[in-house]
C-alpha cells in the first residue's frame, strides 16, 4: 500500500497505514492458533488471567 501512495506528511502516512491494517486484519475471525477464538476474545481472556494472577502477590 505504501509503495502506491504519496503522502504530504508523516501523519497522513500513519493514518493511512493504520486504516489499511485495520481493514486487512479481521479481529473477529476465529483462529486455530488461538484455540478457535477471535483475537479480541483471546486478548480479553489473557488480560483477565494476568490481572487475577497479579492479585496473588
Protein backbone atom coordinates (compact mmCIF):
# COMPACT_ATOMS: atom_id res chain seq x y z
CA UNK A 1 0.00 0.00 0.00
CA UNK A 2 2.76 2.43 0.89
CA UNK A 3 4.53 1.98 -2.43
CA UNK A 4 1.46 3.13 -4.37
CA UNK A 5 0.74 6.27 -2.38
CA UNK A 6 2.37 9.65 -1.91
CA UNK A 7 1.82 11.39 1.40
CA UNK A 8 2.25 15.05 2.24
CA UNK A 9 3.02 14.39 5.90
CA UNK A 10 4.09 11.58 8.17
CA UNK A 11 0.75 11.90 9.97
CA UNK A 12 -1.14 11.16 6.73
CA UNK A 13 1.04 8.10 6.14
CA UNK A 14 0.48 6.83 9.69
CA UNK A 15 -3.28 7.28 9.42
CA UNK A 16 -3.44 5.53 6.02
CA UNK A 17 -1.32 2.66 7.28
CA UNK A 18 -3.48 2.27 10.40
CA UNK A 19 -6.65 2.15 8.33
CA UNK A 20 -5.08 -0.37 5.97
CA UNK A 21 -4.06 -2.65 8.83
CA UNK A 22 -7.50 -2.41 10.45
CA UNK A 23 -9.14 -3.33 7.16
CA UNK A 24 -6.74 -6.20 6.47
CA UNK A 25 -6.73 -7.68 9.96
CA UNK A 26 -10.04 -9.24 10.96
CA UNK A 27 -10.26 -9.13 14.76
CA UNK A 28 -13.44 -11.21 14.87
CA UNK A 29 -12.29 -14.16 12.76
CA UNK A 30 -11.61 -17.33 14.76
CA UNK A 31 -8.08 -18.72 14.55
CA UNK A 32 -6.92 -22.26 15.21
CA UNK A 33 -3.71 -20.94 16.77
CA UNK A 34 -5.85 -19.21 19.41
CA UNK A 35 -7.88 -22.33 20.23
CA UNK A 36 -10.54 -21.20 17.73
CA UNK A 37 -11.16 -17.89 19.45
CA UNK A 38 -11.18 -14.47 17.85
CA UNK A 39 -8.12 -12.32 18.63
CA UNK A 40 -10.31 -9.92 20.62
CA UNK A 41 -11.72 -12.72 22.79
CA UNK A 42 -8.27 -14.24 23.28
CA UNK A 43 -6.78 -10.90 24.37
CA UNK A 44 -9.62 -10.21 26.79
CA UNK A 45 -9.23 -13.62 28.43
CA UNK A 46 -5.45 -13.21 28.57
CA UNK A 47 -5.80 -9.82 30.29
CA UNK A 48 -8.28 -11.27 32.81
CA UNK A 49 -5.90 -14.10 33.68
CA UNK A 50 -3.00 -11.62 34.06
CA UNK A 51 -4.94 -9.41 36.46
CA UNK A 52 -6.08 -12.42 38.50
CA UNK A 53 -2.51 -13.67 38.85
CA UNK A 54 -1.34 -10.23 39.99
CA UNK A 55 -3.69 -10.35 42.98
CA UNK A 56 -1.83 -13.32 44.46
CA UNK A 57 1.27 -11.21 45.23
